[in-house]
C-alpha atoms as a PDB file:
ATOM      1  CA  UNK A   1     -26.394   3.250  14.956  1.00  0.00           C
ATOM      2  CA  UNK A   2     -26.682   0.772  12.114  1.00  0.00           C
ATOM      3  CA  UNK A   3     -26.229   3.547   9.535  1.00  0.00           C
ATOM      4  CA  UNK A   4     -23.151   4.754  11.399  1.00  0.00           C
ATOM      5  CA  UNK A   5     -21.608   1.264  11.333  1.00  0.00           C
ATOM      6  CA  UNK A   6     -22.355   0.902   7.622  1.00  0.00           C
ATOM      7  CA  UNK A   7     -20.898   4.333   6.890  1.00  0.00           C
ATOM      8  CA  UNK A   8     -17.743   3.557   8.876  1.00  0.00           C
ATOM      9  CA  UNK A   9     -17.409   0.208   7.112  1.00  0.00           C
ATOM     10  CA  UNK A  10     -17.837   1.944   3.745  1.00  0.00           C
ATOM     11  CA  UNK A  11     -15.103   4.459   4.515  1.00  0.00           C
ATOM     12  CA  UNK A  12     -12.810   1.722   5.835  1.00  0.00           C
ATOM     13  CA  UNK A  13     -13.215  -0.501   2.797  1.00  0.00           C
ATOM     14  CA  UNK A  14     -12.978   2.492   0.481  1.00  0.00           C
ATOM     15  CA  UNK A  15      -9.710   3.537   2.086  1.00  0.00           C
ATOM     16  CA  UNK A  16      -8.307   0.002   1.790  1.00  0.00           C
ATOM     17  CA  UNK A  17      -9.358  -0.145  -1.868  1.00  0.00           C
ATOM     18  CA  UNK A  18      -7.741   3.234  -2.564  1.00  0.00           C
ATOM     19  CA  UNK A  19      -4.458   2.176  -0.940  1.00  0.00           C
ATOM     20  CA  UNK A  20      -4.587  -1.107  -2.841  1.00  0.00           C
ATOM     21  CA  UNK A  21      -5.011   0.737  -6.131  1.00  0.00           C
ATOM     22  CA  UNK A  22      -2.068   3.009  -5.297  1.00  0.00           C
ATOM     23  CA  UNK A  23       0.005  -0.150  -4.822  1.00  0.00           C
ATOM     24  CA  UNK A  24      -1.162  -2.059  -7.895  1.00  0.00           C
ATOM     25  CA  UNK A  25      -1.495   0.695 -10.522  1.00  0.00           C
ATOM     26  CA  UNK A  26       2.267   1.467 -10.737  1.00  0.00           C
ATOM     27  CA  UNK A  27       2.956  -2.200 -11.408  1.00  0.00           C
ATOM     28  CA  UNK A  28       0.407  -2.298 -14.220  1.00  0.00           C
ATOM     29  CA  UNK A  29       1.978   0.860 -15.699  1.00  0.00           C
ATOM     30  CA  UNK A  30       5.372  -0.848 -15.524  1.00  0.00           C
ATOM     31  CA  UNK A  31       4.048  -3.918 -17.351  1.00  0.00           C
ATOM     32  CA  UNK A  32       2.370  -1.735 -19.986  1.00  0.00           C
ATOM     33  CA  UNK A  33       5.585   0.196 -20.660  1.00  0.00           C
ATOM     34  CA  UNK A  34       7.574  -3.024 -20.936  1.00  0.00           C
ATOM     35  CA  UNK A  35       5.709  -4.010 -24.140  1.00  0.00           C
ATOM     36  CA  UNK A  36       6.414  -0.768 -26.032  1.00  0.00           C
ATOM     37  CA  UNK A  37       9.071   0.152 -28.529  1.00  0.00           C
ATOM     38  CA  UNK A  38      10.686   3.598 -28.553  1.00  0.00           C
ATOM     39  CA  UNK A  39       8.108   5.221 -30.831  1.00  0.00           C
ATOM     40  CA  UNK A  40       5.166   3.866 -28.828  1.00  0.00           C
ATOM     41  CA  UNK A  41       6.815   5.042 -25.629  1.00  0.00           C
ATOM     42  CA  UNK A  42       7.336   8.570 -26.965  1.00  0.00           C
ATOM     43  CA  UNK A  43       3.956   8.992 -28.669  1.00  0.00           C
ATOM     44  CA  UNK A  44       1.532   6.949 -26.497  1.00  0.00           C
ATOM     45  CA  UNK A  45       3.314   6.518 -23.209  1.00  0.00           C
ATOM     46  CA  UNK A  46       0.323   5.857 -20.921  1.00  0.00           C
ATOM     47  CA  UNK A  47      -2.051   4.179 -23.360  1.00  0.00           C
ATOM     48  CA  UNK A  48      -2.116   0.488 -24.183  1.00  0.00           C
ATOM     49  CA  UNK A  49      -0.595   0.165 -27.655  1.00  0.00           C
ATOM     50  CA  UNK A  50      -0.432  -2.634 -30.188  1.00  0.00           C
ATOM     51  CA  UNK A  51       1.416  -4.653 -31.204  1.00  0.00           C
ATOM     52  CA  UNK A  52       3.036  -5.875 -27.990  1.00  0.00           C
ATOM     53  CA  UNK A  53       6.796  -6.243 -28.320  1.00  0.00           C
ATOM     54  CA  UNK A  54       7.563  -9.498 -26.498  1.00  0.00           C
ATOM     55  CA  UNK A  55      11.120  -9.320 -27.814  1.00  0.00           C
ATOM     56  CA  UNK A  56      11.761  -6.747 -25.056  1.00  0.00           C
ATOM     57  CA  UNK A  57      11.604  -9.538 -22.496  1.00  0.00           C
ATOM     58  CA  UNK A  58      13.972 -11.743 -24.476  1.00  0.00           C
ATOM     59  CA  UNK A  59      16.512  -8.927 -24.729  1.00  0.00           C
ATOM     60  CA  UNK A  60      16.180  -8.076 -21.040  1.00  0.00           C
ATOM     61  CA  UNK A  61      16.421 -11.711 -19.927  1.00  0.00           C
ATOM     62  CA  UNK A  62      19.703 -12.253 -21.760  1.00  0.00           C
ATOM     63  CA  UNK A  63      21.286  -9.548 -19.619  1.00  0.00           C
ATOM     64  CA  UNK A  64      19.493  -9.828 -16.309  1.00  0.00           C
ATOM     65  CA  UNK A  65      19.428 -13.608 -15.792  1.00  0.00           C
ATOM     66  CA  UNK A  66      22.983 -13.665 -14.403  1.00  0.00           C
ATOM     67  CA  UNK A  67      22.152 -11.024 -11.796  1.00  0.00           C
ATOM     68  CA  UNK A  68      18.984 -12.873 -10.758  1.00  0.00           C
ATOM     69  CA  UNK A  69      20.958 -16.097 -10.333  1.00  0.00           C
ATOM     70  CA  UNK A  70      23.560 -14.284  -8.216  1.00  0.00           C
ATOM     71  CA  UNK A  71      20.814 -12.904  -5.962  1.00  0.00           C
ATOM     72  CA  UNK A  72      19.331 -16.386  -5.621  1.00  0.00           C
ATOM     73  CA  UNK A  73      22.712 -17.723  -4.508  1.00  0.00           C
ATOM     74  CA  UNK A  74      23.365 -14.885  -2.052  1.00  0.00           C
ATOM     75  CA  UNK A  75      19.863 -14.804  -0.536  1.00  0.00           C
ATOM     76  CA  UNK A  76      19.367 -18.589  -0.534  1.00  0.00           C
ATOM     77  CA  UNK A  77      22.578 -19.430   1.290  1.00  0.00           C
ATOM     78  CA  UNK A  78      22.094 -16.516   3.686  1.00  0.00           C
ATOM     79  CA  UNK A  79      18.531 -17.431   4.663  1.00  0.00           C
ATOM     80  CA  UNK A  80      19.293 -21.132   5.195  1.00  0.00           C
ATOM     81  CA  UNK A  81      22.357 -20.351   7.307  1.00  0.00           C
ATOM     82  CA  UNK A  82      20.629 -17.618   9.336  1.00  0.00           C
ATOM     83  CA  UNK A  83      17.618 -19.796  10.176  1.00  0.00           C
ATOM     84  CA  UNK A  84      19.743 -22.848  11.001  1.00  0.00           C
ATOM     85  CA  UNK A  85      22.096 -20.973  13.330  1.00  0.00           C
ATOM     86  CA  UNK A  86      19.268 -18.928  14.869  1.00  0.00           C
ATOM     87  CA  UNK A  87      17.216 -22.020  15.729  1.00  0.00           C
ATOM     88  CA  UNK A  88      20.233 -23.721  17.281  1.00  0.00           C
ATOM     89  CA  UNK A  89      21.012 -20.570  19.304  1.00  0.00           C
ATOM     90  CA  UNK A  90      17.455 -19.634  20.303  1.00  0.00           C
ATOM     91  CA  UNK A  91      16.488 -23.072  21.635  1.00  0.00           C
ATOM     92  CA  UNK A  92      19.052 -23.178  24.500  1.00  0.00           C
ATOM     93  CA  UNK A  93      18.252 -19.541  25.273  1.00  0.00           C
ATOM     94  CA  UNK A  94      14.580 -20.469  25.661  1.00  0.00           C
ATOM     95  CA  UNK A  95      14.437 -24.012  27.081  1.00  0.00           C
ATOM     96  CA  UNK A  96      17.794 -24.811  28.701  1.00  0.00           C
ATOM     97  CA  UNK A  97      19.618 -23.584  31.787  1.00  0.00           C
ATOM     98  CA  UNK A  98      23.294 -22.662  31.755  1.00  0.00           C
ATOM     99  CA  UNK A  99      25.664 -20.167  33.324  1.00  0.00           C
ATOM    100  CA  UNK A 100      25.106 -16.492  32.353  1.00  0.00           C
ATOM    101  CA  UNK A 101      22.268 -17.402  29.991  1.00  0.00           C
ATOM    102  CA  UNK A 102      20.283 -14.208  30.514  1.00  0.00           C
ATOM    103  CA  UNK A 103      23.346 -11.963  30.294  1.00  0.00           C
ATOM    104  CA  UNK A 104      24.445 -13.589  27.017  1.00  0.00           C
ATOM    105  CA  UNK A 105      20.936 -13.180  25.635  1.00  0.00           C
ATOM    106  CA  UNK A 106      20.802  -9.478  26.566  1.00  0.00           C
ATOM    107  CA  UNK A 107      24.209  -8.915  24.970  1.00  0.00           C
ATOM    108  CA  UNK A 108      22.905 -10.440  21.746  1.00  0.00           C
ATOM    109  CA  UNK A 109      19.722  -8.367  21.848  1.00  0.00           C
ATOM    110  CA  UNK A 110      21.744  -5.214  22.504  1.00  0.00           C
ATOM    111  CA  UNK A 111      23.103  -5.557  18.971  1.00  0.00           C
ATOM    112  CA  UNK A 112      19.641  -4.597  17.691  1.00  0.00           C
ATOM    113  CA  UNK A 113      20.274  -1.061  18.929  1.00  0.00           C
ATOM    114  CA  UNK A 114      23.353  -0.586  16.712  1.00  0.00           C
ATOM    115  CA  UNK A 115      22.435   0.958  13.331  1.00  0.00           C
ATOM    116  CA  UNK A 116      23.758  -0.921  10.323  1.00  0.00           C
ATOM    117  CA  UNK A 117      25.431   2.200   8.943  1.00  0.00           C
ATOM    118  CA  UNK A 118      27.706   2.396  12.004  1.00  0.00           C
ATOM    119  CA  UNK A 119      29.083  -1.062  11.224  1.00  0.00           C
ATOM    120  CA  UNK A 120      29.919  -0.411   7.570  1.00  0.00           C
ATOM    121  CA  UNK A 121      33.478   0.839   8.106  1.00  0.00           C
ATOM    122  CA  UNK A 122      34.647  -1.875  10.559  1.00  0.00           C
ATOM    123  CA  UNK A 123      32.907  -4.560   8.499  1.00  0.00           C
ATOM    124  CA  UNK A 124      34.569  -3.344   5.319  1.00  0.00           C
ATOM    125  CA  UNK A 125      37.974  -3.311   7.041  1.00  0.00           C
ATOM    126  CA  UNK A 126      37.379  -6.877   8.209  1.00  0.00           C
ATOM    127  CA  UNK A 127      36.393  -7.993   4.712  1.00  0.00           C
ATOM    128  CA  UNK A 128      39.599  -6.467   3.333  1.00  0.00           C
ATOM    129  CA  UNK A 129      41.715  -8.227   5.979  1.00  0.00           C
ATOM    130  CA  UNK A 130      40.031 -11.559   5.210  1.00  0.00           C
ATOM    131  CA  UNK A 131      40.495 -10.958   1.447  1.00  0.00           C
ATOM    132  CA  UNK A 132      36.780 -11.448   0.796  1.00  0.00           C
ATOM    133  CA  UNK A 133      36.423  -8.531  -1.625  1.00  0.00           C
ATOM    134  CA  UNK A 134      34.730  -9.514  -4.906  1.00  0.00           C
ATOM    135  CA  UNK A 135      33.623 -12.752  -3.261  1.00  0.00           C
ATOM    136  CA  UNK A 136      30.247 -14.037  -2.189  1.00  0.00           C
ATOM    137  CA  UNK A 137      31.814 -14.749   1.199  1.00  0.00           C
ATOM    138  CA  UNK A 138      32.026 -10.986   1.593  1.00  0.00           C
ATOM    139  CA  UNK A 139      28.232 -10.873   1.318  1.00  0.00           C
ATOM    140  CA  UNK A 140      27.338 -14.098   3.117  1.00  0.00           C
ATOM    141  CA  UNK A 141      29.401 -13.410   6.245  1.00  0.00           C
ATOM    142  CA  UNK A 142      27.911 -10.041   7.278  1.00  0.00           C
ATOM    143  CA  UNK A 143      24.411 -11.032   6.136  1.00  0.00           C
ATOM    144  CA  UNK A 144      24.457 -14.237   8.202  1.00  0.00           C
ATOM    145  CA  UNK A 145      26.005 -12.569  11.246  1.00  0.00           C
ATOM    146  CA  UNK A 146      23.655  -9.576  11.111  1.00  0.00           C
ATOM    147  CA  UNK A 147      20.481 -11.536  10.370  1.00  0.00           C
ATOM    148  CA  UNK A 148      20.799 -13.809  13.386  1.00  0.00           C
ATOM    149  CA  UNK A 149      20.132 -11.178  16.036  1.00  0.00           C
ATOM    150  CA  UNK A 150      16.512 -10.422  15.183  1.00  0.00           C
ATOM    151  CA  UNK A 151      15.790 -14.090  14.431  1.00  0.00           C
ATOM    152  CA  UNK A 152      17.170 -15.205  17.810  1.00  0.00           C
ATOM    153  CA  UNK A 153      15.074 -12.554  19.536  1.00  0.00           C
ATOM    154  CA  UNK A 154      11.851 -13.704  17.810  1.00  0.00           C
ATOM    155  CA  UNK A 155      12.506 -17.450  17.994  1.00  0.00           C
ATOM    156  CA  UNK A 156      13.517 -17.331  21.627  1.00  0.00           C
ATOM    157  CA  UNK A 157      10.215 -15.652  22.517  1.00  0.00           C
ATOM    158  CA  UNK A 158       8.263 -18.175  20.463  1.00  0.00           C
ATOM    159  CA  UNK A 159      10.103 -21.211  21.853  1.00  0.00           C
ATOM    160  CA  UNK A 160       9.564 -19.934  25.409  1.00  0.00           C
ATOM    161  CA  UNK A 161       5.804 -19.755  24.826  1.00  0.00           C
ATOM    162  CA  UNK A 162       5.516 -23.471  24.018  1.00  0.00           C
ATOM    163  CA  UNK A 163       4.034 -25.631  26.839  1.00  0.00           C
ATOM    164  CA  UNK A 164       6.637 -27.092  29.179  1.00  0.00           C
ATOM    165  CA  UNK A 165       4.662 -30.349  29.444  1.00  0.00           C
ATOM    166  CA  UNK A 166       5.690 -31.334  25.903  1.00  0.00           C
ATOM    167  CA  UNK A 167       9.364 -31.018  26.746  1.00  0.00           C
ATOM    168  CA  UNK A 168       9.007 -32.919  29.995  1.00  0.00           C
ATOM    169  CA  UNK A 169       7.178 -35.776  28.270  1.00  0.00           C
ATOM    170  CA  UNK A 170       9.859 -35.952  25.561  1.00  0.00           C
ATOM    171  CA  UNK A 171      12.655 -36.035  28.135  1.00  0.00           C
ATOM    172  CA  UNK A 172      10.877 -38.788  30.071  1.00  0.00           C
ATOM    173  CA  UNK A 173      10.763 -40.814  26.827  1.00  0.00           C
ATOM    174  CA  UNK A 174      14.530 -40.423  26.534  1.00  0.00           C
ATOM    175  CA  UNK A 175      14.765 -37.735  23.845  1.00  0.00           C
ATOM    176  CA  UNK A 176      17.810 -35.495  23.974  1.00  0.00           C
ATOM    177  CA  UNK A 177      17.665 -31.756  23.335  1.00  0.00           C
ATOM    178  CA  UNK A 178      18.494 -31.971  19.620  1.00  0.00           C
ATOM    179  CA  UNK A 179      15.771 -34.595  19.109  1.00  0.00           C
ATOM    180  CA  UNK A 180      13.293 -32.344  20.917  1.00  0.00           C
ATOM    181  CA  UNK A 181      14.310 -29.385  18.766  1.00  0.00           C
ATOM    182  CA  UNK A 182      13.974 -31.203  15.437  1.00  0.00           C
ATOM    183  CA  UNK A 183      10.984 -33.419  16.270  1.00  0.00           C
ATOM    184  CA  UNK A 184       8.821 -31.104  18.382  1.00  0.00           C
ATOM    185  CA  UNK A 185       9.891 -27.469  18.320  1.00  0.00           C
ATOM    186  CA  UNK A 186      10.651 -26.909  14.633  1.00  0.00           C
ATOM    187  CA  UNK A 187       7.441 -28.574  13.317  1.00  0.00           C
ATOM    188  CA  UNK A 188       5.443 -26.274  15.606  1.00  0.00           C
ATOM    189  CA  UNK A 189       7.423 -23.246  14.438  1.00  0.00           C
ATOM    190  CA  UNK A 190       6.954 -23.537  10.665  1.00  0.00           C
ATOM    191  CA  UNK A 191       4.894 -20.348  10.389  1.00  0.00           C
ATOM    192  CA  UNK A 192       7.268 -18.144  12.344  1.00  0.00           C
ATOM    193  CA  UNK A 193      10.328 -19.630  10.603  1.00  0.00           C
ATOM    194  CA  UNK A 194       8.706 -18.994   7.197  1.00  0.00           C
ATOM    195  CA  UNK A 195       8.001 -15.402   8.227  1.00  0.00           C
ATOM    196  CA  UNK A 196      11.595 -14.846   9.286  1.00  0.00           C
ATOM    197  CA  UNK A 197      12.776 -16.475   6.070  1.00  0.00           C
ATOM    198  CA  UNK A 198      10.705 -14.101   3.933  1.00  0.00           C
ATOM    199  CA  UNK A 199      11.946 -11.085   5.895  1.00  0.00           C
ATOM    200  CA  UNK A 200      15.559 -12.181   5.470  1.00  0.00           C
ATOM    201  CA  UNK A 201      15.087 -12.731   1.745  1.00  0.00           C
ATOM    202  CA  UNK A 202      13.664  -9.217   1.428  1.00  0.00           C
ATOM    203  CA  UNK A 203      16.573  -7.723   3.371  1.00  0.00           C
ATOM    204  CA  UNK A 204      19.291  -9.447   1.359  1.00  0.00           C
ATOM    205  CA  UNK A 205      17.563  -9.337  -2.042  1.00  0.00           C
ATOM    206  CA  UNK A 206      16.921  -5.575  -1.865  1.00  0.00           C
ATOM    207  CA  UNK A 207      20.190  -4.516  -0.235  1.00  0.00           C
ATOM    208  CA  UNK A 208      22.252  -2.130  -2.344  1.00  0.00           C
ATOM    209  CA  UNK A 209      24.799  -0.403  -0.098  1.00  0.00           C
ATOM    210  CA  UNK A 210      26.774  -3.420   1.122  1.00  0.00           C
ATOM    211  CA  UNK A 211      27.090  -5.166  -2.282  1.00  0.00           C
ATOM    212  CA  UNK A 212      28.159  -1.826  -3.769  1.00  0.00           C
ATOM    213  CA  UNK A 213      31.041  -1.698  -1.276  1.00  0.00           C
ATOM    214  CA  UNK A 214      32.145  -5.318  -1.622  1.00  0.00           C
ATOM    215  CA  UNK A 215      31.429  -6.428  -5.202  1.00  0.00           C
ATOM    216  CA  UNK A 216      32.963  -4.854  -8.300  1.00  0.00           C
ATOM    217  CA  UNK A 217      33.167  -7.992 -10.456  1.00  0.00           C
ATOM    218  CA  UNK A 218      30.149  -7.855 -12.780  1.00  0.00           C
ATOM    219  CA  UNK A 219      29.874 -11.650 -12.889  1.00  0.00           C
ATOM    220  CA  UNK A 220      29.190 -11.710  -9.121  1.00  0.00           C
ATOM    221  CA  UNK A 221      26.885  -8.697  -8.883  1.00  0.00           C
ATOM    222  CA  UNK A 222      23.488  -9.318  -7.273  1.00  0.00           C
ATOM    223  CA  UNK A 223      20.340  -7.968  -8.849  1.00  0.00           C
ATOM    224  CA  UNK A 224      20.379  -4.574  -7.117  1.00  0.00           C
ATOM    225  CA  UNK A 225      23.816  -3.772  -8.546  1.00  0.00           C
ATOM    226  CA  UNK A 226      23.126  -5.482 -11.837  1.00  0.00           C
ATOM    227  CA  UNK A 227      20.119  -3.259 -12.489  1.00  0.00           C
ATOM    228  CA  UNK A 228      22.364  -0.190 -12.537  1.00  0.00           C
ATOM    229  CA  UNK A 229      24.570  -1.812 -15.189  1.00  0.00           C
ATOM    230  CA  UNK A 230      21.450  -3.002 -16.993  1.00  0.00           C
ATOM    231  CA  UNK A 231      20.047   0.541 -16.987  1.00  0.00           C
ATOM    232  CA  UNK A 232      23.224   1.892 -18.576  1.00  0.00           C
ATOM    233  CA  UNK A 233      22.942  -0.665 -21.393  1.00  0.00           C
ATOM    234  CA  UNK A 234      19.345   0.322 -22.259  1.00  0.00           C
ATOM    235  CA  UNK A 235      19.526   4.039 -21.533  1.00  0.00           C
ATOM    236  CA  UNK A 236      17.012   5.163 -24.152  1.00  0.00           C
ATOM    237  CA  UNK A 237      15.624   1.779 -25.212  1.00  0.00           C
ATOM    238  CA  UNK A 238      12.751   1.924 -22.750  1.00  0.00           C
ATOM    239  CA  UNK A 239      10.927  -1.318 -23.584  1.00  0.00           C
ATOM    240  CA  UNK A 240      13.702  -3.767 -22.603  1.00  0.00           C
ATOM    241  CA  UNK A 241      14.577  -1.547 -19.644  1.00  0.00           C
ATOM    242  CA  UNK A 242      11.085  -1.788 -18.143  1.00  0.00           C
ATOM    243  CA  UNK A 243      10.870  -5.461 -19.136  1.00  0.00           C
ATOM    244  CA  UNK A 244      13.978  -6.053 -17.036  1.00  0.00           C
ATOM    245  CA  UNK A 245      12.345  -4.351 -14.074  1.00  0.00           C
ATOM    246  CA  UNK A 246       9.296  -6.603 -14.462  1.00  0.00           C
ATOM    247  CA  UNK A 247      11.474  -9.722 -14.578  1.00  0.00           C
ATOM    248  CA  UNK A 248      13.404  -8.514 -11.528  1.00  0.00           C
ATOM    249  CA  UNK A 249      10.174  -8.225  -9.509  1.00  0.00           C
ATOM    250  CA  UNK A 250       8.849 -11.688 -10.378  1.00  0.00           C
ATOM    251  CA  UNK A 251      10.960 -13.787  -7.929  1.00  0.00           C
ATOM    252  CA  UNK A 252       9.733 -11.883  -4.864  1.00  0.00           C
ATOM    253  CA  UNK A 253       6.128 -11.994  -6.104  1.00  0.00           C
ATOM    254  CA  UNK A 254       6.356 -15.769  -6.572  1.00  0.00           C
ATOM    255  CA  UNK A 255       8.015 -16.158  -3.168  1.00  0.00           C
ATOM    256  CA  UNK A 256       5.225 -14.292  -1.411  1.00  0.00           C
ATOM    257  CA  UNK A 257       2.556 -16.216  -3.331  1.00  0.00           C
ATOM    258  CA  UNK A 258       3.921 -19.526  -2.026  1.00  0.00           C
ATOM    259  CA  UNK A 259       4.802 -18.302   1.470  1.00  0.00           C
ATOM    260  CA  UNK A 260       1.893 -15.911   2.054  1.00  0.00           C
ATOM    261  CA  UNK A 261      -0.115 -18.342   4.191  1.00  0.00           C
ATOM    262  CA  UNK A 262       2.785 -19.077   6.537  1.00  0.00           C
ATOM    263  CA  UNK A 263       3.821 -15.412   6.488  1.00  0.00           C
ATOM    264  CA  UNK A 264       0.381 -14.214   7.606  1.00  0.00           C
ATOM    265  CA  UNK A 265       0.172 -16.965  10.236  1.00  0.00           C
ATOM    266  CA  UNK A 266       3.551 -15.919  11.584  1.00  0.00           C
ATOM    267  CA  UNK A 267       2.469 -12.284  11.836  1.00  0.00           C
ATOM    268  CA  UNK A 268      -0.846 -13.270  13.427  1.00  0.00           C
ATOM    269  CA  UNK A 269       0.861 -15.447  16.021  1.00  0.00           C
ATOM    270  CA  UNK A 270       1.925 -12.319  17.884  1.00  0.00           C
ATOM    271  CA  UNK A 271       5.621 -13.120  17.745  1.00  0.00           C
ATOM    272  CA  UNK A 272       6.256 -10.319  15.265  1.00  0.00           C
ATOM    273  CA  UNK A 273       4.518  -6.966  15.397  1.00  0.00           C
ATOM    274  CA  UNK A 274       4.659  -5.100  12.098  1.00  0.00           C
END
């Protein structure tokens, strides 16, 4: 029995290691290619070659920094607005009583069953009518409106699971509902809010279809669109091209490094099942 457990553990850890290598190795290949010039890329594509050409990163940064900043603006404003509105909407759905509360909640949740692709045409028509084309408002509006639904669903479940005694004690002490939300509920919800924030950043940062429809001004293009323009500039100059891809991946890596603890706690809390 002991040998069986050890053998199963060996296979399990071996499988995890293999999957981890499949995830990490492409990134190391990308970094290796980013330090090559054209001759090194053509003659020794997969080997580590010297000297390293750090100028590739300087050339890539000059082009890609604008697109990274645009993505920061789009994703940052979207995430802050989505979390703020979702918390304010989920709290009454979870802890307060009002007319048609459950029906309103189910109508909101029903929006989860509508695929995003089915909303592209009416959303685009609305953006045209509002004259939001080539504007960040054309990105912020749909992102904020669409991101709230899942966040309200998750936060409402989490807020409902908190002990009622805390709310009763706060009300006895004279705290109103906003004071309860900001002083009690939100401090206890840091992990789940951080998890939702990371998920929203990933959704907006990596989105390509909607920015492609709304943004044509190069100065307002987010990173996903900017990379296509960037690729056309360095079509055969492979070093700066791959250096740009490395730079483009750094913000999300740094984000997960700083938010990984809260992200894992949020997943482990049972409020989100991945």
